[in-house]
């Protein structure tokens, strides 16, 4: 019998509350955080909101220039062969 890989589906964005919809639209517009990840998190709106707000505070706040943070994020992803 062949192995079956279960996959978590993307949430129907139209079924989410306004805040979640705005967060997904922002991810689509900005290209980060990964909008596919955000759509999966939509199954648990409180998780989506919490993750997105932490992401935003991390990447938009602080004293380190955002461009440097992006370069570090890309380098770490490359080092660990992360597709995202």
N, C-alpha and C. Protein backbone atom coordinates (compact mmCIF):
# COMPACT_ATOMS: atom_id res chain seq x y z
N UNK A 1 0.84 -1.18 0.00
CA UNK A 1 0.00 0.00 0.00
C UNK A 1 0.89 1.24 0.00
N UNK A 2 0.58 2.17 -0.85
CA UNK A 2 1.37 3.40 -0.96
C UNK A 2 1.15 4.29 0.25
N UNK A 3 2.20 4.98 0.62
CA UNK A 3 2.08 5.94 1.71
C UNK A 3 1.23 7.11 1.24
N UNK A 4 0.38 7.58 2.12
CA UNK A 4 -0.46 8.73 1.83
C UNK A 4 0.04 9.90 2.67
N UNK A 5 0.29 11.00 2.01
CA UNK A 5 0.74 12.19 2.71
C UNK A 5 -0.47 13.09 2.96
N UNK A 6 -0.75 13.35 4.21
CA UNK A 6 -1.84 14.25 4.55
C UNK A 6 -1.33 15.68 4.45
N UNK A 7 -2.18 16.53 3.98
CA UNK A 7 -1.82 17.94 3.87
C UNK A 7 -2.88 18.80 4.54
N UNK A 8 -2.42 19.83 5.16
CA UNK A 8 -3.35 20.79 5.75
C UNK A 8 -3.77 21.74 4.64
N UNK A 9 -5.05 21.91 4.50
CA UNK A 9 -5.57 22.76 3.42
C UNK A 9 -5.49 24.24 3.80
N UNK A 10 -5.52 25.08 2.79
CA UNK A 10 -5.63 26.51 3.02
C UNK A 10 -7.06 26.80 3.48
N UNK A 11 -7.17 27.77 4.34
CA UNK A 11 -8.49 28.16 4.82
C UNK A 11 -9.18 29.00 3.75
N UNK A 12 -10.50 28.96 3.75
CA UNK A 12 -11.29 29.83 2.87
C UNK A 12 -11.23 31.24 3.47
N UNK A 13 -10.49 32.11 2.83
CA UNK A 13 -10.24 33.45 3.37
C UNK A 13 -11.55 34.21 3.60
N UNK A 14 -12.53 34.00 2.74
CA UNK A 14 -13.79 34.73 2.88
C UNK A 14 -14.55 34.33 4.14
N UNK A 15 -14.20 33.19 4.74
CA UNK A 15 -14.86 32.73 5.95
C UNK A 15 -14.24 33.33 7.21
N UNK A 16 -13.11 34.03 7.06
CA UNK A 16 -12.41 34.60 8.21
C UNK A 16 -12.94 35.98 8.57
N UNK A 17 -12.63 36.41 9.79
CA UNK A 17 -13.05 37.75 10.20
C UNK A 17 -12.22 38.80 9.46
N UNK A 18 -12.65 40.05 9.57
CA UNK A 18 -12.02 41.15 8.83
C UNK A 18 -10.53 41.29 9.14
N UNK A 19 -10.15 41.16 10.41
CA UNK A 19 -8.74 41.31 10.77
C UNK A 19 -7.88 40.25 10.09
N UNK A 20 -8.33 39.00 10.12
CA UNK A 20 -7.57 37.93 9.47
C UNK A 20 -7.48 38.17 7.97
N UNK A 21 -8.56 38.61 7.37
CA UNK A 21 -8.53 38.90 5.94
C UNK A 21 -7.52 40.00 5.61
N UNK A 22 -7.49 41.04 6.43
CA UNK A 22 -6.51 42.13 6.22
C UNK A 22 -5.08 41.63 6.37
N UNK A 23 -4.84 40.75 7.34
CA UNK A 23 -3.49 40.22 7.55
C UNK A 23 -3.04 39.37 6.35
N UNK A 24 -3.94 38.57 5.82
CA UNK A 24 -3.61 37.75 4.65
C UNK A 24 -3.37 38.65 3.44
N UNK A 25 -4.19 39.66 3.27
CA UNK A 25 -3.97 40.61 2.16
C UNK A 25 -2.61 41.30 2.30
N UNK A 26 -2.23 41.67 3.51
CA UNK A 26 -0.93 42.30 3.74
C UNK A 26 0.20 41.35 3.40
N UNK A 27 0.07 40.09 3.77
CA UNK A 27 1.10 39.09 3.45
C UNK A 27 1.22 38.92 1.94
N UNK A 28 0.08 38.89 1.25
CA UNK A 28 0.11 38.80 -0.22
C UNK A 28 0.80 40.02 -0.83
N UNK A 29 0.45 41.18 -0.33
CA UNK A 29 0.99 42.43 -0.86
C UNK A 29 2.49 42.57 -0.60
N UNK A 30 2.93 42.20 0.61
CA UNK A 30 4.32 42.39 1.00
C UNK A 30 5.23 41.20 0.67
N UNK A 31 4.63 40.06 0.38
CA UNK A 31 5.44 38.87 0.10
C UNK A 31 6.01 38.23 1.36
N UNK A 32 5.64 38.73 2.52
CA UNK A 32 6.11 38.18 3.78
C UNK A 32 5.16 38.63 4.88
N UNK A 33 4.92 37.81 5.88
CA UNK A 33 5.34 36.43 5.94
C UNK A 33 4.69 35.62 4.83
N UNK A 34 5.18 34.44 4.62
CA UNK A 34 4.71 33.59 3.53
C UNK A 34 3.19 33.45 3.61
N UNK A 35 2.51 33.87 2.56
CA UNK A 35 1.04 33.89 2.61
C UNK A 35 0.44 32.49 2.63
N UNK A 36 1.14 31.49 2.11
CA UNK A 36 0.62 30.12 2.21
C UNK A 36 0.61 29.65 3.67
N UNK A 37 1.66 29.98 4.40
CA UNK A 37 1.71 29.64 5.82
C UNK A 37 0.58 30.34 6.56
N UNK A 38 0.35 31.59 6.24
CA UNK A 38 -0.71 32.35 6.89
C UNK A 38 -2.08 31.75 6.58
N UNK A 39 -2.28 31.30 5.35
CA UNK A 39 -3.56 30.69 4.97
C UNK A 39 -3.80 29.38 5.71
N UNK A 40 -2.75 28.63 6.00
CA UNK A 40 -2.91 27.41 6.80
C UNK A 40 -3.23 27.78 8.24
N UNK A 41 -2.54 28.79 8.76
CA UNK A 41 -2.81 29.22 10.13
C UNK A 41 -4.23 29.74 10.30
N UNK A 42 -4.87 30.12 9.21
CA UNK A 42 -6.23 30.63 9.27
C UNK A 42 -7.22 29.66 9.87
N UNK A 43 -6.86 28.38 9.93
CA UNK A 43 -7.73 27.41 10.59
C UNK A 43 -7.84 27.71 12.09
N UNK A 44 -6.87 28.41 12.61
CA UNK A 44 -6.86 28.86 14.01
C UNK A 44 -6.58 30.36 14.00
N UNK A 45 -7.63 31.17 13.85
CA UNK A 45 -7.45 32.61 13.71
C UNK A 45 -6.59 33.25 14.81
N UNK A 46 -6.70 32.76 16.05
CA UNK A 46 -5.89 33.34 17.12
C UNK A 46 -4.40 33.08 16.88
N UNK A 47 -4.08 31.94 16.28
CA UNK A 47 -2.69 31.63 15.94
C UNK A 47 -2.22 32.53 14.81
N UNK A 48 -3.04 32.69 13.78
CA UNK A 48 -2.71 33.57 12.66
C UNK A 48 -2.42 34.98 13.16
N UNK A 49 -3.31 35.51 13.97
CA UNK A 49 -3.15 36.89 14.46
C UNK A 49 -1.89 37.03 15.33
N UNK A 50 -1.69 36.08 16.23
CA UNK A 50 -0.53 36.14 17.11
C UNK A 50 0.77 36.06 16.34
N UNK A 51 0.86 35.10 15.42
CA UNK A 51 2.07 34.95 14.62
C UNK A 51 2.34 36.21 13.80
N UNK A 52 1.32 36.72 13.15
CA UNK A 52 1.51 37.88 12.27
C UNK A 52 1.99 39.09 13.06
N UNK A 53 1.43 39.30 14.24
CA UNK A 53 1.82 40.47 15.03
C UNK A 53 3.26 40.32 15.56
N UNK A 54 3.66 39.12 15.92
CA UNK A 54 5.05 38.89 16.34
C UNK A 54 5.98 39.10 15.15
N UNK A 55 5.60 38.58 13.98
CA UNK A 55 6.41 38.76 12.77
C UNK A 55 6.60 40.25 12.49
N UNK A 56 5.51 40.98 12.53
CA UNK A 56 5.56 42.41 12.22
C UNK A 56 6.46 43.15 13.21
N UNK A 57 6.32 42.85 14.49
CA UNK A 57 7.14 43.51 15.51
C UNK A 57 8.61 43.18 15.33
N UNK A 58 8.89 41.94 14.94
CA UNK A 58 10.27 41.51 14.76
C UNK A 58 10.90 42.15 13.53
N UNK A 59 10.19 42.15 12.43
CA UNK A 59 10.79 42.61 11.19
C UNK A 59 10.60 44.10 10.91
N UNK A 60 9.64 44.74 11.54
CA UNK A 60 9.44 46.16 11.30
C UNK A 60 9.92 47.02 12.46
N UNK A 61 10.09 46.42 13.63
CA UNK A 61 10.52 47.18 14.79
C UNK A 61 12.01 47.00 15.05
N UNK A 62 12.45 47.57 16.15
CA UNK A 62 13.84 47.41 16.56
C UNK A 62 14.78 48.43 15.94
N UNK A 63 16.06 48.24 16.20
CA UNK A 63 17.07 49.19 15.75
C UNK A 63 17.85 48.72 14.54
N UNK A 64 17.72 47.46 14.18
CA UNK A 64 18.44 46.93 13.01
C UNK A 64 17.63 47.23 11.75
N UNK A 65 18.30 47.70 10.73
CA UNK A 65 17.64 48.05 9.48
C UNK A 65 16.90 46.83 8.90
N UNK A 66 15.70 47.07 8.40
CA UNK A 66 14.87 45.99 7.85
C UNK A 66 15.58 45.24 6.73
N UNK A 67 16.33 45.94 5.89
CA UNK A 67 17.02 45.28 4.78
C UNK A 67 18.03 44.25 5.30
N UNK A 68 18.72 44.58 6.39
CA UNK A 68 19.68 43.64 6.98
C UNK A 68 18.95 42.43 7.54
N UNK A 69 17.82 42.65 8.18
CA UNK A 69 17.02 41.53 8.70
C UNK A 69 16.61 40.60 7.56
N UNK A 70 16.22 41.16 6.43
CA UNK A 70 15.83 40.34 5.29
C UNK A 70 17.01 39.53 4.76
N UNK A 71 18.17 40.15 4.69
CA UNK A 71 19.37 39.43 4.24
C UNK A 71 19.70 38.28 5.18
N UNK A 72 19.59 38.51 6.48
CA UNK A 72 19.86 37.45 7.46
C UNK A 72 18.82 36.35 7.31
N UNK A 73 17.56 36.72 7.15
CA UNK A 73 16.49 35.72 6.99
C UNK A 73 16.74 34.84 5.77
N UNK A 74 17.14 35.46 4.68
CA UNK A 74 17.42 34.70 3.45
C UNK A 74 18.63 33.80 3.63
N UNK A 75 19.68 34.30 4.27
CA UNK A 75 20.89 33.51 4.49
C UNK A 75 20.59 32.31 5.39
N UNK A 76 19.84 32.50 6.45
CA UNK A 76 19.48 31.39 7.34
C UNK A 76 18.66 30.36 6.58
N UNK A 77 17.70 30.81 5.77
CA UNK A 77 16.90 29.89 4.97
C UNK A 77 17.79 29.10 4.01
N UNK A 78 18.76 29.76 3.41
CA UNK A 78 19.69 29.09 2.50
C UNK A 78 20.53 28.05 3.24
N UNK A 79 21.06 28.42 4.39
CA UNK A 79 21.89 27.50 5.17
C UNK A 79 21.15 26.22 5.55
N UNK A 80 19.86 26.35 5.81
CA UNK A 80 19.06 25.20 6.24
C UNK A 80 18.21 24.62 5.10
N UNK A 81 18.50 25.05 3.86
CA UNK A 81 17.81 24.57 2.68
C UNK A 81 16.29 24.69 2.81
N UNK A 82 15.86 25.82 3.36
CA UNK A 82 14.43 26.08 3.54
C UNK A 82 13.87 26.69 2.26
N UNK A 83 12.82 26.10 1.74
CA UNK A 83 12.21 26.58 0.51
C UNK A 83 11.51 27.91 0.62
N UNK A 84 11.21 28.33 1.86
CA UNK A 84 10.52 29.60 2.03
C UNK A 84 11.51 30.71 2.17
